[in-house]
Amino acid sequence: GIGVCHCCLVKINGRHKRRACQTIVREGMSVETQVNRIAGQEVL
């Protein structure tokens, strides 16, 4: 199901480890991605 894999963790408005797949996007929101790696493989 959605939200169980933790592959989409981002920093939202200064709060770490937020799930992007379960977050409603709002105007002015600050989103920072974590390291672009999944299971030790670089995402291209």
PDB file of N, CA and C in Angstrom:
ATOM      1  N   GLY A   1       0.813  -1.181   0.000  1.00  0.00           N
ATOM      2  CA  GLY A   1       0.000   0.000   0.000  1.00  0.00           C
ATOM      3  C   GLY A   1       0.865   1.256   0.000  1.00  0.00           C
ATOM      4  N   ILE A   2       0.231   2.352  -0.146  1.00  0.00           N
ATOM      5  CA  ILE A   2       0.912   3.640  -0.186  1.00  0.00           C
ATOM      6  C   ILE A   2       1.442   3.989   1.199  1.00  0.00           C
ATOM      7  N   GLY A   3       2.705   4.442   1.236  1.00  0.00           N
ATOM      8  CA  GLY A   3       3.300   4.917   2.480  1.00  0.00           C
ATOM      9  C   GLY A   3       4.058   3.891   3.294  1.00  0.00           C
ATOM     10  N   VAL A   4       4.141   2.665   2.820  1.00  0.00           N
ATOM     11  CA  VAL A   4       4.809   1.631   3.618  1.00  0.00           C
ATOM     12  C   VAL A   4       6.276   1.410   3.241  1.00  0.00           C
ATOM     13  N   CYS A   5       6.706   1.888   2.079  1.00  0.00           N
ATOM     14  CA  CYS A   5       8.069   1.592   1.627  1.00  0.00           C
ATOM     15  C   CYS A   5       9.096   2.629   2.087  1.00  0.00           C
ATOM     16  N   HIS A   6       8.680   3.818   2.427  1.00  0.00           N
ATOM     17  CA  HIS A   6       9.571   4.901   2.876  1.00  0.00           C
ATOM     18  C   HIS A   6      10.532   5.384   1.796  1.00  0.00           C
ATOM     19  N   CYS A   7      10.275   5.088   0.521  1.00  0.00           N
ATOM     20  CA  CYS A   7      11.161   5.518  -0.563  1.00  0.00           C
ATOM     21  C   CYS A   7      11.002   7.006  -0.899  1.00  0.00           C
ATOM     22  N   CYS A   8       9.939   7.622  -0.452  1.00  0.00           N
ATOM     23  CA  CYS A   8       9.667   9.010  -0.826  1.00  0.00           C
ATOM     24  C   CYS A   8       9.869   9.989   0.332  1.00  0.00           C
ATOM     25  N   LEU A   9      10.688   9.635   1.313  1.00  0.00           N
ATOM     26  CA  LEU A   9      10.886  10.507   2.463  1.00  0.00           C
ATOM     27  C   LEU A   9      11.578  11.803   2.057  1.00  0.00           C
ATOM     28  N   VAL A  10      11.017  12.918   2.485  1.00  0.00           N
ATOM     29  CA  VAL A  10      11.545  14.241   2.187  1.00  0.00           C
ATOM     30  C   VAL A  10      11.472  15.110   3.436  1.00  0.00           C
ATOM     31  N   LYS A  11      12.080  16.277   3.347  1.00  0.00           N
ATOM     32  CA  LYS A  11      11.993  17.271   4.415  1.00  0.00           C
ATOM     33  C   LYS A  11      10.987  18.317   3.948  1.00  0.00           C
ATOM     34  N   ILE A  12       9.918  18.492   4.707  1.00  0.00           N
ATOM     35  CA  ILE A  12       8.858  19.430   4.330  1.00  0.00           C
ATOM     36  C   ILE A  12       8.748  20.501   5.403  1.00  0.00           C
ATOM     37  N   ASN A  13       8.931  21.753   4.973  1.00  0.00           N
ATOM     38  CA  ASN A  13       8.852  22.894   5.887  1.00  0.00           C
ATOM     39  C   ASN A  13       9.709  22.676   7.136  1.00  0.00           C
ATOM     40  N   GLY A  14      10.918  22.126   6.928  1.00  0.00           N
ATOM     41  CA  GLY A  14      11.853  21.921   8.030  1.00  0.00           C
ATOM     42  C   GLY A  14      11.635  20.661   8.839  1.00  0.00           C
ATOM     43  N   ARG A  15      10.599  19.905   8.549  1.00  0.00           N
ATOM     44  CA  ARG A  15      10.322  18.662   9.280  1.00  0.00           C
ATOM     45  C   ARG A  15      10.837  17.476   8.482  1.00  0.00           C
ATOM     46  N   HIS A  16      11.729  16.721   9.089  1.00  0.00           N
ATOM     47  CA  HIS A  16      12.359  15.575   8.439  1.00  0.00           C
ATOM     48  C   HIS A  16      11.428  14.369   8.373  1.00  0.00           C
ATOM     49  N   LYS A  17      11.764  13.461   7.461  1.00  0.00           N
ATOM     50  CA  LYS A  17      11.118  12.158   7.326  1.00  0.00           C
ATOM     51  C   LYS A  17       9.608  12.238   7.124  1.00  0.00           C
ATOM     52  N   ARG A  18       9.191  13.112   6.240  1.00  0.00           N
ATOM     53  CA  ARG A  18       7.783  13.209   5.843  1.00  0.00           C
ATOM     54  C   ARG A  18       7.610  12.382   4.571  1.00  0.00           C
ATOM     55  N   ARG A  19       6.499  11.709   4.425  1.00  0.00           N
ATOM     56  CA  ARG A  19       6.225  10.898   3.233  1.00  0.00           C
ATOM     57  C   ARG A  19       5.593  11.776   2.153  1.00  0.00           C
ATOM     58  N   ALA A  20       6.325  11.962   1.053  1.00  0.00           N
ATOM     59  CA  ALA A  20       5.827  12.781  -0.046  1.00  0.00           C
ATOM     60  C   ALA A  20       4.554  12.192  -0.649  1.00  0.00           C
ATOM     61  N   CYS A  21       4.464  10.871  -0.675  1.00  0.00           N
ATOM     62  CA  CYS A  21       3.305  10.214  -1.303  1.00  0.00           C
ATOM     63  C   CYS A  21       2.019  10.413  -0.516  1.00  0.00           C
ATOM     64  N   GLN A  22       2.134  10.847   0.732  1.00  0.00           N
ATOM     65  CA  GLN A  22       0.949  11.043   1.570  1.00  0.00           C
ATOM     66  C   GLN A  22       0.767  12.503   1.974  1.00  0.00           C
ATOM     67  N   THR A  23       1.432  13.406   1.255  1.00  0.00           N
ATOM     68  CA  THR A  23       1.386  14.815   1.598  1.00  0.00           C
ATOM     69  C   THR A  23       0.666  15.597   0.514  1.00  0.00           C
ATOM     70  N   ILE A  24      -0.285  16.405   0.918  1.00  0.00           N
ATOM     71  CA  ILE A  24      -0.986  17.282  -0.012  1.00  0.00           C
ATOM     72  C   ILE A  24      -0.110  18.513  -0.237  1.00  0.00           C
ATOM     73  N   VAL A  25       0.156  18.818  -1.506  1.00  0.00           N
ATOM     74  CA  VAL A  25       0.995  19.959  -1.856  1.00  0.00           C
ATOM     75  C   VAL A  25       0.200  21.245  -1.679  1.00  0.00           C
ATOM     76  N   ARG A  26       0.860  22.221  -1.037  1.00  0.00           N
ATOM     77  CA  ARG A  26       0.237  23.516  -0.813  1.00  0.00           C
ATOM     78  C   ARG A  26       1.172  24.624  -1.307  1.00  0.00           C
ATOM     79  N   GLU A  27       0.615  25.720  -1.742  1.00  0.00           N
ATOM     80  CA  GLU A  27       1.403  26.854  -2.209  1.00  0.00           C
ATOM     81  C   GLU A  27       2.344  27.334  -1.109  1.00  0.00           C
ATOM     82  N   GLY A  28       3.600  27.602  -1.472  1.00  0.00           N
ATOM     83  CA  GLY A  28       4.579  28.097  -0.534  1.00  0.00           C
ATOM     84  C   GLY A  28       5.288  27.022   0.275  1.00  0.00           C
ATOM     85  N   MET A  29       4.939  25.771   0.055  1.00  0.00           N
ATOM     86  CA  MET A  29       5.540  24.664   0.792  1.00  0.00           C
ATOM     87  C   MET A  29       7.005  24.500   0.398  1.00  0.00           C
ATOM     88  N   SER A  30       7.873  24.256   1.375  1.00  0.00           N
ATOM     89  CA  SER A  30       9.285  24.006   1.134  1.00  0.00           C
ATOM     90  C   SER A  30       9.526  22.503   1.215  1.00  0.00           C
ATOM     91  N   VAL A  31      10.008  21.917   0.117  1.00  0.00           N
ATOM     92  CA  VAL A  31      10.257  20.476   0.059  1.00  0.00           C
ATOM     93  C   VAL A  31      11.701  20.237  -0.358  1.00  0.00           C
ATOM     94  N   GLU A  32      12.429  19.471   0.450  1.00  0.00           N
ATOM     95  CA  GLU A  32      13.806  19.102   0.138  1.00  0.00           C
ATOM     96  C   GLU A  32      13.894  17.585   0.094  1.00  0.00           C
ATOM     97  N   THR A  33      14.506  17.062  -0.983  1.00  0.00           N
ATOM     98  CA  THR A  33      14.669  15.616  -1.098  1.00  0.00           C
ATOM     99  C   THR A  33      15.840  15.160  -0.244  1.00  0.00           C
ATOM    100  N   GLN A  34      15.804  13.908   0.141  1.00  0.00           N
ATOM    101  CA  GLN A  34      16.906  13.285   0.865  1.00  0.00           C
ATOM    102  C   GLN A  34      17.921  12.835  -0.187  1.00  0.00           C
ATOM    103  N   VAL A  35      18.919  12.079   0.199  1.00  0.00           N
ATOM    104  CA  VAL A  35      19.897  11.553  -0.755  1.00  0.00           C
ATOM    105  C   VAL A  35      19.156  10.728  -1.798  1.00  0.00           C
ATOM    106  N   ASN A  36      19.488  10.942  -3.063  1.00  0.00           N
ATOM    107  CA  ASN A  36      18.786  10.258  -4.153  1.00  0.00           C
ATOM    108  C   ASN A  36      19.289   8.839  -4.356  1.00  0.00           C
ATOM    109  N   ARG A  37      19.111   8.017  -3.337  1.00  0.00           N
ATOM    110  CA  ARG A  37      19.518   6.611  -3.415  1.00  0.00           C
ATOM    111  C   ARG A  37      18.393   5.735  -2.859  1.00  0.00           C
ATOM    112  N   ILE A  38      18.167   4.627  -3.542  1.00  0.00           N
ATOM    113  CA  ILE A  38      17.173   3.655  -3.099  1.00  0.00           C
ATOM    114  C   ILE A  38      17.861   2.300  -3.078  1.00  0.00           C
ATOM    115  N   ALA A  39      17.848   1.665  -1.932  1.00  0.00           N
ATOM    116  CA  ALA A  39      18.459   0.331  -1.779  1.00  0.00           C
ATOM    117  C   ALA A  39      19.890   0.288  -2.308  1.00  0.00           C
ATOM    118  N   GLY A  40      20.658   1.371  -2.069  1.00  0.00           N
ATOM    119  CA  GLY A  40      22.056   1.398  -2.447  1.00  0.00           C
ATOM    120  C   GLY A  40      22.335   1.677  -3.909  1.00  0.00           C
ATOM    121  N   GLN A  41      21.295   1.938  -4.703  1.00  0.00           N
ATOM    122  CA  GLN A  41      21.499   2.228  -6.114  1.00  0.00           C
ATOM    123  C   GLN A  41      21.101   3.668  -6.395  1.00  0.00           C
ATOM    124  N   GLU A  42      21.932   4.364  -7.133  1.00  0.00           N
ATOM    125  CA  GLU A  42      21.665   5.759  -7.452  1.00  0.00           C
ATOM    126  C   GLU A  42      20.476   5.860  -8.397  1.00  0.00           C
ATOM    127  N   VAL A  43      19.612   6.816  -8.124  1.00  0.00           N
ATOM    128  CA  VAL A  43      18.470   7.084  -8.990  1.00  0.00           C
ATOM    129  C   VAL A  43      18.919   8.046 -10.069  1.00  0.00           C
ATOM    130  N   LEU A  44      18.697   7.692 -11.317  1.00  0.00           N
ATOM    131  CA  LEU A  44      19.125   8.545 -12.431  1.00  0.00           C
ATOM    132  C   LEU A  44      17.964   9.332 -12.975  1.00  0.00           C
TER     133      LEU A  44
END
